C-alpha atoms as a PDB file:
ATOM      1  CA  MET A   1     113.678  95.108 108.709  1.00  0.00           C
ATOM      2  CA  GLU A   2     110.702  97.232 107.686  1.00  0.00           C
ATOM      3  CA  SER A   3     110.257 100.860 108.810  1.00  0.00           C
ATOM      4  CA  GLU A   4     107.710 103.652 108.613  1.00  0.00           C
ATOM      5  CA  THR A   5     107.724 107.196 109.971  1.00  0.00           C
ATOM      6  CA  LEU A   6     104.532 108.833 111.226  1.00  0.00           C
ATOM      7  CA  GLU A   7     103.670 112.280 112.562  1.00  0.00           C
ATOM      8  CA  PHE A   8     101.319 112.733 115.505  1.00  0.00           C
ATOM      9  CA  ARG A   9      99.782 116.080 116.403  1.00  0.00           C
ATOM     10  CA  GLY A  10      98.123 117.267 119.577  1.00  0.00           C
ATOM     11  CA  ILE A  11      99.207 114.335 121.763  1.00  0.00           C
ATOM     12  CA  ASN A  12     101.549 114.887 124.688  1.00  0.00           C
ATOM     13  CA  ILE A  13     104.943 113.234 124.187  1.00  0.00           C
ATOM     14  CA  SER A  14     104.705 111.516 127.582  1.00  0.00           C
ATOM     15  CA  HIS A  15     101.490 109.823 126.417  1.00  0.00           C
ATOM     16  CA  LEU A  16     103.156 108.683 123.193  1.00  0.00           C
ATOM     17  CA  LYS A  17     105.973 107.119 125.241  1.00  0.00           C
ATOM     18  CA  GLN A  18     103.463 105.412 127.535  1.00  0.00           C
ATOM     19  CA  TYR A  19     101.714 103.832 124.539  1.00  0.00           C
ATOM     20  CA  PHE A  20     104.943 102.011 123.619  1.00  0.00           C
ATOM     21  CA  ILE A  21     105.127 100.622 127.158  1.00  0.00           C
ATOM     22  CA  GLU A  22     101.476  99.539 126.999  1.00  0.00           C
ATOM     23  CA  LEU A  23     102.300  97.642 123.789  1.00  0.00           C
ATOM     24  CA  GLY A  24     105.096  95.720 125.550  1.00  0.00           C
ATOM     25  CA  GLY A  25     108.047  97.980 124.777  1.00  0.00           C
ATOM     26  CA  GLN A  26     110.809  98.780 127.226  1.00  0.00           C
ATOM     27  CA  PRO A  27     112.763 102.057 127.280  1.00  0.00           C
ATOM     28  CA  SER A  28     116.266 101.740 125.870  1.00  0.00           C
ATOM     29  CA  LYS A  29     119.076 102.296 128.374  1.00  0.00           C
ATOM     30  CA  GLU A  30     120.989 104.436 125.868  1.00  0.00           C
ATOM     31  CA  ASN A  31     118.101 106.562 124.575  1.00  0.00           C
ATOM     32  CA  ASP A  32     114.958 107.387 126.562  1.00  0.00           C
ATOM     33  CA  ASN A  33     113.152 108.184 123.297  1.00  0.00           C
ATOM     34  CA  ARG A  34     113.567 104.613 122.011  1.00  0.00           C
ATOM     35  CA  PHE A  35     111.378 101.692 123.043  1.00  0.00           C
ATOM     36  CA  ILE A  36     112.210  98.079 122.256  1.00  0.00           C
ATOM     37  CA  GLY A  37     109.559  95.380 121.973  1.00  0.00           C
ATOM     38  CA  ASP A  38     109.466  91.770 120.824  1.00  0.00           C
ATOM     39  CA  GLY A  39     110.581  92.020 117.188  1.00  0.00           C
ATOM     40  CA  TRP A  40     110.086  95.780 116.928  1.00  0.00           C
ATOM     41  CA  TYR A  41     111.228  99.143 118.166  1.00  0.00           C
ATOM     42  CA  GLY A  42     109.878 102.664 118.094  1.00  0.00           C
ATOM     43  CA  GLU A  43     111.861 105.861 118.348  1.00  0.00           C
ATOM     44  CA  ILE A  44     110.685 109.422 118.870  1.00  0.00           C
ATOM     45  CA  LEU A  45     112.779 111.382 116.394  1.00  0.00           C
ATOM     46  CA  SER A  46     111.651 114.951 117.014  1.00  0.00           C
ATOM     47  CA  GLU A  47     109.116 117.175 118.706  1.00  0.00           C
ATOM     48  CA  GLY A  48     107.975 120.586 117.526  1.00  0.00           C
ATOM     49  CA  GLU A  49     104.994 122.864 117.055  1.00  0.00           C
ATOM     50  CA  VAL A  50     102.756 123.752 114.151  1.00  0.00           C
ATOM     51  CA  MET A  51     101.117 127.180 114.239  1.00  0.00           C
ATOM     52  CA  PHE A  52      97.753 127.437 112.497  1.00  0.00           C
ATOM     53  CA  THR A  53      97.177 131.033 113.604  1.00  0.00           C
ATOM     54  CA  PRO A  54      99.215 133.365 115.824  1.00  0.00           C
ATOM     55  CA  VAL A  55      97.249 132.016 118.795  1.00  0.00           C
ATOM     56  CA  PHE A  56      96.488 128.395 117.851  1.00  0.00           C
ATOM     57  CA  LYS A  57      99.457 126.031 117.901  1.00  0.00           C
ATOM     58  CA  VAL A  58      99.698 122.273 118.276  1.00  0.00           C
ATOM     59  CA  ASN A  59     102.610 120.029 119.193  1.00  0.00           C
ATOM     60  CA  THR A  60     103.890 117.615 116.576  1.00  0.00           C
ATOM     61  CA  VAL A  61     105.935 114.475 117.171  1.00  0.00           C
ATOM     62  CA  ILE A  62     107.719 112.379 114.538  1.00  0.00           C
ATOM     63  CA  ILE A  63     108.071 108.664 115.356  1.00  0.00           C
ATOM     64  CA  LEU A  64     110.007 105.954 113.523  1.00  0.00           C
ATOM     65  CA  PHE A  65     108.489 102.468 113.760  1.00  0.00           C
ATOM     66  CA  THR A  66     110.625  99.453 112.816  1.00  0.00           C
ATOM     67  CA  ALA A  67     109.757  95.742 112.850  1.00  0.00           C
ATOM     68  CA  GLU A  68     111.324  92.528 111.605  1.00  0.00           C
ATOM     69  CA  ASN A  69     108.840  92.099 108.765  1.00  0.00           C
ATOM     70  CA  LYS A  70     105.960  93.824 107.007  1.00  0.00           C
ATOM     71  CA  ASP A  71     103.216  91.964 108.907  1.00  0.00           C
ATOM     72  CA  ASP A  72     104.734  92.801 112.305  1.00  0.00           C
ATOM     73  CA  LEU A  73     105.086  96.452 111.283  1.00  0.00           C
ATOM     74  CA  LYS A  74     101.469  96.541 110.109  1.00  0.00           C
ATOM     75  CA  SER A  75     100.327  95.096 113.441  1.00  0.00           C
ATOM     76  CA  LEU A  76     102.475  97.525 115.453  1.00  0.00           C
ATOM     77  CA  LEU A  77     101.151 100.515 113.526  1.00  0.00           C
ATOM     78  CA  LYS A  78      97.550  99.341 113.890  1.00  0.00           C
ATOM     79  CA  ASN A  79      97.888  98.874 117.648  1.00  0.00           C
ATOM     80  CA  TYR A  80      99.719 102.164 118.146  1.00  0.00           C
ATOM     81  CA  ARG A  81      97.236 104.115 116.029  1.00  0.00           C
ATOM     82  CA  TYR A  82      94.412 102.602 118.073  1.00  0.00           C
ATOM     83  CA  LYS A  83      95.996 104.138 121.188  1.00  0.00           C
ATOM     84  CA  THR A  84      96.316 107.551 119.529  1.00  0.00           C
ATOM     85  CA  THR A  85      92.751 107.673 118.217  1.00  0.00           C
ATOM     86  CA  ARG A  86      90.849 110.692 119.493  1.00  0.00           C
ATOM     87  CA  VAL A  87      87.094 110.915 119.036  1.00  0.00           C
ATOM     88  CA  GLY A  88      85.472 114.329 118.937  1.00  0.00           C
ATOM     89  CA  GLY A  89      82.184 115.083 120.502  1.00  0.00           C
END
């Protein structure tokens, strides 16, 4: 098994959960922060806030991605990152 942990900032945790479902994952019956897909799983480990100034703060979410092999993990990360891409304007 191959694993990687990533941090996401400024994205609502409910959206991050929905992205796992959109990628074919199903919520675990034991842990609603874990999503199981075909040959992979993702787990939301923690949620917090980062304060840049006394007024400006952003949520932060740590997610563990695990897949059966390196290629599957690379594909999972690519697809998940695509969902979390935000373009400024």
